[in-house]
Amino acid sequence: MGKQDITQRYIEVTADDLPLTCPMPNMSLWNAHPRVGIPLNHGGEARCPYCGTLYKFKGELPKGHH
């Protein structure tokens, strides 16, 4: 994944992105908020409480992931 702007509102993530945080390491930080952990729900989706970006897991969640 290349550099992304934190204003992007939908991001697909994979097991390589876990543990998931927002902003993600590859996002531009000039307009970022504090880094927060984003727990994925059982459907593999979660929203950042700061910027509202929707993260959706692509594929099957790894076993043991909460």
PDB file of N, CA and C in Angstrom:
ATOM      1  N   MET A   1       0.844  -1.177   0.000  1.00  0.00           N
ATOM      2  CA  MET A   1       0.000   0.000   0.000  1.00  0.00           C
ATOM      3  C   MET A   1       0.893   1.245   0.000  1.00  0.00           C
ATOM      4  N   GLY A   2       0.583   2.240  -0.828  1.00  0.00           N
ATOM      5  CA  GLY A   2       1.353   3.466  -0.869  1.00  0.00           C
ATOM      6  C   GLY A   2       0.902   4.434   0.216  1.00  0.00           C
ATOM      7  N   LYS A   3       1.480   5.636   0.200  1.00  0.00           N
ATOM      8  CA  LYS A   3       1.066   6.658   1.170  1.00  0.00           C
ATOM      9  C   LYS A   3      -0.404   6.967   0.987  1.00  0.00           C
ATOM     10  N   GLN A   4      -1.120   7.070   2.099  1.00  0.00           N
ATOM     11  CA  GLN A   4      -2.543   7.397   2.043  1.00  0.00           C
ATOM     12  C   GLN A   4      -2.812   8.608   2.900  1.00  0.00           C
ATOM     13  N   ASP A   5      -3.828   9.334   2.551  1.00  0.00           N
ATOM     14  CA  ASP A   5      -4.274  10.489   3.310  1.00  0.00           C
ATOM     15  C   ASP A   5      -5.246  10.013   4.377  1.00  0.00           C
ATOM     16  N   ILE A   6      -5.168  10.573   5.562  1.00  0.00           N
ATOM     17  CA  ILE A   6      -6.040  10.168   6.669  1.00  0.00           C
ATOM     18  C   ILE A   6      -7.502  10.487   6.386  1.00  0.00           C
ATOM     19  N   THR A   7      -7.774  11.306   5.373  1.00  0.00           N
ATOM     20  CA  THR A   7      -9.159  11.644   5.070  1.00  0.00           C
ATOM     21  C   THR A   7      -9.866  10.550   4.277  1.00  0.00           C
ATOM     22  N   GLN A   8      -9.125   9.525   3.871  1.00  0.00           N
ATOM     23  CA  GLN A   8      -9.770   8.403   3.177  1.00  0.00           C
ATOM     24  C   GLN A   8     -10.753   7.770   4.155  1.00  0.00           C
ATOM     25  N   ARG A   9     -11.952   7.431   3.700  1.00  0.00           N
ATOM     26  CA  ARG A   9     -13.002   6.970   4.600  1.00  0.00           C
ATOM     27  C   ARG A   9     -13.251   5.471   4.577  1.00  0.00           C
ATOM     28  N   TYR A  10     -12.604   4.716   3.671  1.00  0.00           N
ATOM     29  CA  TYR A  10     -12.786   3.277   3.611  1.00  0.00           C
ATOM     30  C   TYR A  10     -11.449   2.640   3.248  1.00  0.00           C
ATOM     31  N   ILE A  11     -10.996   1.720   4.083  1.00  0.00           N
ATOM     32  CA  ILE A  11      -9.720   1.062   3.834  1.00  0.00           C
ATOM     33  C   ILE A  11      -9.887  -0.430   4.070  1.00  0.00           C
ATOM     34  N   GLU A  12      -9.475  -1.232   3.081  1.00  0.00           N
ATOM     35  CA  GLU A  12      -9.446  -2.679   3.266  1.00  0.00           C
ATOM     36  C   GLU A  12      -8.109  -3.041   3.891  1.00  0.00           C
ATOM     37  N   VAL A  13      -8.159  -3.918   4.903  1.00  0.00           N
ATOM     38  CA  VAL A  13      -6.944  -4.327   5.590  1.00  0.00           C
ATOM     39  C   VAL A  13      -6.800  -5.844   5.524  1.00  0.00           C
ATOM     40  N   THR A  14      -5.571  -6.313   5.723  1.00  0.00           N
ATOM     41  CA  THR A  14      -5.277  -7.745   5.712  1.00  0.00           C
ATOM     42  C   THR A  14      -4.566  -8.115   7.014  1.00  0.00           C
ATOM     43  N   ALA A  15      -4.227  -9.373   7.144  1.00  0.00           N
ATOM     44  CA  ALA A  15      -3.526  -9.847   8.338  1.00  0.00           C
ATOM     45  C   ALA A  15      -2.199  -9.121   8.537  1.00  0.00           C
ATOM     46  N   ASP A  16      -1.580  -8.659   7.457  1.00  0.00           N
ATOM     47  CA  ASP A  16      -0.319  -7.920   7.563  1.00  0.00           C
ATOM     48  C   ASP A  16      -0.487  -6.589   8.281  1.00  0.00           C
ATOM     49  N   ASP A  17      -1.718  -6.063   8.331  1.00  0.00           N
ATOM     50  CA  ASP A  17      -1.991  -4.773   8.966  1.00  0.00           C
ATOM     51  C   ASP A  17      -2.317  -4.909  10.457  1.00  0.00           C
ATOM     52  N   LEU A  18      -2.411  -6.126  10.965  1.00  0.00           N
ATOM     53  CA  LEU A  18      -2.760  -6.343  12.370  1.00  0.00           C
ATOM     54  C   LEU A  18      -1.510  -6.288  13.232  1.00  0.00           C
ATOM     55  N   PRO A  19      -1.551  -5.759  14.447  1.00  0.00           N
ATOM     56  CA  PRO A  19      -2.716  -5.125  15.041  1.00  0.00           C
ATOM     57  C   PRO A  19      -3.012  -3.800  14.350  1.00  0.00           C
ATOM     58  N   LEU A  20      -4.280  -3.521  14.190  1.00  0.00           N
ATOM     59  CA  LEU A  20      -4.743  -2.372  13.427  1.00  0.00           C
ATOM     60  C   LEU A  20      -4.733  -1.116  14.283  1.00  0.00           C
ATOM     61  N   THR A  21      -4.143  -0.052  13.728  1.00  0.00           N
ATOM     62  CA  THR A  21      -4.161   1.258  14.382  1.00  0.00           C
ATOM     63  C   THR A  21      -4.572   2.306  13.358  1.00  0.00           C
ATOM     64  N   CYS A  22      -5.089   3.400  13.850  1.00  0.00           N
ATOM     65  CA  CYS A  22      -5.406   4.546  13.002  1.00  0.00           C
ATOM     66  C   CYS A  22      -4.749   5.759  13.641  1.00  0.00           C
ATOM     67  N   PRO A  23      -3.997   6.545  12.914  1.00  0.00           N
ATOM     68  CA  PRO A  23      -3.663   6.355  11.515  1.00  0.00           C
ATOM     69  C   PRO A  23      -2.704   5.183  11.338  1.00  0.00           C
ATOM     70  N   MET A  24      -2.818   4.539  10.166  1.00  0.00           N
ATOM     71  CA  MET A  24      -1.937   3.422   9.849  1.00  0.00           C
ATOM     72  C   MET A  24      -0.537   3.961   9.538  1.00  0.00           C
ATOM     73  N   PRO A  25       0.492   3.124   9.682  1.00  0.00           N
ATOM     74  CA  PRO A  25       1.872   3.599   9.466  1.00  0.00           C
ATOM     75  C   PRO A  25       2.125   4.218   8.102  1.00  0.00           C
ATOM     76  N   ASN A  26       1.362   3.845   7.081  1.00  0.00           N
ATOM     77  CA  ASN A  26       1.614   4.375   5.744  1.00  0.00           C
ATOM     78  C   ASN A  26       0.781   5.609   5.418  1.00  0.00           C
ATOM     79  N   MET A  27       0.113   6.195   6.399  1.00  0.00           N
ATOM     80  CA  MET A  27      -0.704   7.388   6.157  1.00  0.00           C
ATOM     81  C   MET A  27       0.119   8.649   6.383  1.00  0.00           C
ATOM     82  N   SER A  28      -0.233   9.691   5.646  1.00  0.00           N
ATOM     83  CA  SER A  28       0.400  10.990   5.863  1.00  0.00           C
ATOM     84  C   SER A  28       0.049  11.468   7.262  1.00  0.00           C
ATOM     85  N   LEU A  29       1.028  11.947   7.983  1.00  0.00           N
ATOM     86  CA  LEU A  29       0.785  12.314   9.378  1.00  0.00           C
ATOM     87  C   LEU A  29       0.539  13.800   9.597  1.00  0.00           C
ATOM     88  N   TRP A  30       0.620  14.611   8.560  1.00  0.00           N
ATOM     89  CA  TRP A  30       0.470  16.053   8.760  1.00  0.00           C
ATOM     90  C   TRP A  30      -0.910  16.426   9.272  1.00  0.00           C
ATOM     91  N   ASN A  31      -1.932  15.632   8.984  1.00  0.00           N
ATOM     92  CA  ASN A  31      -3.282  15.953   9.444  1.00  0.00           C
ATOM     93  C   ASN A  31      -3.855  14.829  10.299  1.00  0.00           C
ATOM     94  N   ALA A  32      -2.989  14.084  10.955  1.00  0.00           N
ATOM     95  CA  ALA A  32      -3.416  12.911  11.718  1.00  0.00           C
ATOM     96  C   ALA A  32      -3.894  13.283  13.126  1.00  0.00           C
ATOM     97  N   HIS A  33      -4.616  12.363  13.697  1.00  0.00           N
ATOM     98  CA  HIS A  33      -5.052  12.449  15.085  1.00  0.00           C
ATOM     99  C   HIS A  33      -4.179  11.509  15.906  1.00  0.00           C
ATOM    100  N   PRO A  34      -4.358  11.453  17.234  1.00  0.00           N
ATOM    101  CA  PRO A  34      -3.563  10.519  18.038  1.00  0.00           C
ATOM    102  C   PRO A  34      -3.760   9.079  17.547  1.00  0.00           C
ATOM    103  N   ARG A  35      -2.699   8.288  17.600  1.00  0.00           N
ATOM    104  CA  ARG A  35      -2.780   6.888  17.169  1.00  0.00           C
ATOM    105  C   ARG A  35      -3.617   6.099  18.172  1.00  0.00           C
ATOM    106  N   VAL A  36      -4.598   5.367  17.659  1.00  0.00           N
ATOM    107  CA  VAL A  36      -5.471   4.543  18.500  1.00  0.00           C
ATOM    108  C   VAL A  36      -5.553   3.137  17.932  1.00  0.00           C
ATOM    109  N   GLY A  37      -5.691   2.160  18.818  1.00  0.00           N
ATOM    110  CA  GLY A  37      -5.908   0.781  18.395  1.00  0.00           C
ATOM    111  C   GLY A  37      -7.345   0.618  17.929  1.00  0.00           C
ATOM    112  N   ILE A  38      -7.541  -0.111  16.843  1.00  0.00           N
ATOM    113  CA  ILE A  38      -8.870  -0.318  16.282  1.00  0.00           C
ATOM    114  C   ILE A  38      -9.196  -1.803  16.354  1.00  0.00           C
ATOM    115  N   PRO A  39     -10.058  -2.206  17.287  1.00  0.00           N
ATOM    116  CA  PRO A  39     -10.450  -3.621  17.353  1.00  0.00           C
ATOM    117  C   PRO A  39     -11.507  -3.929  16.302  1.00  0.00           C
ATOM    118  N   LEU A  40     -11.270  -4.973  15.522  1.00  0.00           N
ATOM    119  CA  LEU A  40     -12.244  -5.386  14.516  1.00  0.00           C
ATOM    120  C   LEU A  40     -13.346  -6.187  15.188  1.00  0.00           C
ATOM    121  N   ASN A  41     -14.598  -5.948  14.771  1.00  0.00           N
ATOM    122  CA  ASN A  41     -15.697  -6.730  15.328  1.00  0.00           C
ATOM    123  C   ASN A  41     -15.728  -8.100  14.652  1.00  0.00           C
ATOM    124  N   HIS A  42     -16.668  -8.928  15.027  1.00  0.00           N
ATOM    125  CA  HIS A  42     -16.726 -10.285  14.481  1.00  0.00           C
ATOM    126  C   HIS A  42     -16.991 -10.316  12.986  1.00  0.00           C
ATOM    127  N   GLY A  43     -17.516  -9.256  12.438  1.00  0.00           N
ATOM    128  CA  GLY A  43     -17.731  -9.172  11.001  1.00  0.00           C
ATOM    129  C   GLY A  43     -16.508  -8.674  10.256  1.00  0.00           C
ATOM    130  N   GLY A  44     -15.453  -8.341  11.005  1.00  0.00           N
ATOM    131  CA  GLY A  44     -14.226  -7.869  10.380  1.00  0.00           C
ATOM    132  C   GLY A  44     -14.250  -6.409   9.996  1.00  0.00           C
ATOM    133  N   GLU A  45     -15.089  -5.610  10.670  1.00  0.00           N
ATOM    134  CA  GLU A  45     -15.169  -4.177  10.383  1.00  0.00           C
ATOM    135  C   GLU A  45     -15.010  -3.371  11.658  1.00  0.00           C
ATOM    136  N   ALA A  46     -14.551  -2.144  11.510  1.00  0.00           N
ATOM    137  CA  ALA A  46     -14.454  -1.223  12.636  1.00  0.00           C
ATOM    138  C   ALA A  46     -14.315   0.194  12.099  1.00  0.00           C
ATOM    139  N   ARG A  47     -14.737   1.163  12.888  1.00  0.00           N
ATOM    140  CA  ARG A  47     -14.583   2.583  12.559  1.00  0.00           C
ATOM    141  C   ARG A  47     -13.651   3.245  13.561  1.00  0.00           C
ATOM    142  N   CYS A  48     -12.863   4.162  13.055  1.00  0.00           N
ATOM    143  CA  CYS A  48     -12.008   4.955  13.924  1.00  0.00           C
ATOM    144  C   CYS A  48     -12.883   5.966  14.669  1.00  0.00           C
ATOM    145  N   PRO A  49     -12.739   6.045  15.993  1.00  0.00           N
ATOM    146  CA  PRO A  49     -13.557   6.999  16.750  1.00  0.00           C
ATOM    147  C   PRO A  49     -13.177   8.456  16.509  1.00  0.00           C
ATOM    148  N   TYR A  50     -11.992   8.716  15.962  1.00  0.00           N
ATOM    149  CA  TYR A  50     -11.556  10.085  15.699  1.00  0.00           C
ATOM    150  C   TYR A  50     -11.992  10.583  14.328  1.00  0.00           C
ATOM    151  N   CYS A  51     -11.650   9.836  13.286  1.00  0.00           N
ATOM    152  CA  CYS A  51     -11.876  10.349  11.933  1.00  0.00           C
ATOM    153  C   CYS A  51     -13.010   9.643  11.197  1.00  0.00           C
ATOM    154  N   GLY A  52     -13.524   8.548  11.755  1.00  0.00           N
ATOM    155  CA  GLY A  52     -14.652   7.864  11.146  1.00  0.00           C
ATOM    156  C   GLY A  52     -14.294   6.939   9.995  1.00  0.00           C
ATOM    157  N   THR A  53     -12.992   6.761   9.717  1.00  0.00           N
ATOM    158  CA  THR A  53     -12.588   5.858   8.642  1.00  0.00           C
ATOM    159  C   THR A  53     -13.086   4.449   8.945  1.00  0.00           C
ATOM    160  N   LEU A  54     -13.675   3.811   7.952  1.00  0.00           N
ATOM    161  CA  LEU A  54     -14.144   2.436   8.089  1.00  0.00           C
ATOM    162  C   LEU A  54     -13.045   1.499   7.626  1.00  0.00           C
ATOM    163  N   TYR A  55     -12.678   0.572   8.499  1.00  0.00           N
ATOM    164  CA  TYR A  55     -11.703  -0.457   8.168  1.00  0.00           C
ATOM    165  C   TYR A  55     -12.453  -1.758   7.997  1.00  0.00           C
ATOM    166  N   LYS A  56     -12.187  -2.439   6.897  1.00  0.00           N
ATOM    167  CA  LYS A  56     -12.839  -3.719   6.635  1.00  0.00           C
ATOM    168  C   LYS A  56     -11.769  -4.747   6.308  1.00  0.00           C
ATOM    169  N   PHE A  57     -11.814  -5.856   7.044  1.00  0.00           N
ATOM    170  CA  PHE A  57     -10.829  -6.907   6.839  1.00  0.00           C
ATOM    171  C   PHE A  57     -11.137  -7.651   5.553  1.00  0.00           C
ATOM    172  N   LYS A  58     -10.123  -7.847   4.730  1.00  0.00           N
ATOM    173  CA  LYS A  58     -10.261  -8.560   3.462  1.00  0.00           C
ATOM    174  C   LYS A  58      -9.740  -9.985   3.670  1.00  0.00           C
ATOM    175  N   GLY A  59     -10.617 -10.956   3.486  1.00  0.00           N
ATOM    176  CA  GLY A  59     -10.226 -12.350   3.684  1.00  0.00           C
ATOM    177  C   GLY A  59     -10.771 -12.868   5.001  1.00  0.00           C
ATOM    178  N   GLU A  60     -10.186 -13.949   5.458  1.00  0.00           N
ATOM    179  CA  GLU A  60     -10.614 -14.577   6.707  1.00  0.00           C
ATOM    180  C   GLU A  60      -9.781 -14.070   7.874  1.00  0.00           C
ATOM    181  N   LEU A  61     -10.455 -13.653   8.955  1.00  0.00           N
ATOM    182  CA  LEU A  61      -9.729 -13.171  10.122  1.00  0.00           C
ATOM    183  C   LEU A  61      -8.869 -14.293  10.683  1.00  0.00           C
ATOM    184  N   PRO A  62      -7.652 -13.974  11.127  1.00  0.00           N
ATOM    185  CA  PRO A  62      -6.793 -14.996  11.721  1.00  0.00           C
ATOM    186  C   PRO A  62      -7.449 -15.586  12.979  1.00  0.00           C
ATOM    187  N   LYS A  63      -7.200 -16.832  13.243  1.00  0.00           N
ATOM    188  CA  LYS A  63      -7.745 -17.470  14.446  1.00  0.00           C
ATOM    189  C   LYS A  63      -7.147 -16.811  15.683  1.00  0.00           C
ATOM    190  N   GLY A  64      -7.990 -16.640  16.689  1.00  0.00           N
ATOM    191  CA  GLY A  64      -7.530 -16.022  17.927  1.00  0.00           C
ATOM    192  C   GLY A  64      -7.561 -14.518  17.908  1.00  0.00           C
ATOM    193  N   HIS A  65      -7.982 -13.898  16.787  1.00  0.00           N
ATOM    194  CA  HIS A  65      -8.065 -12.438  16.733  1.00  0.00           C
ATOM    195  C   HIS A  65      -9.345 -12.007  17.446  1.00  0.00           C
ATOM    196  N   HIS A  66      -9.231 -10.974  18.290  1.00  0.00           N
ATOM    197  CA  HIS A  66     -10.390 -10.512  19.076  1.00  0.00           C
ATOM    198  C   HIS A  66     -11.071  -9.379  18.381  1.00  0.00           C
TER     199      HIS A  66
END
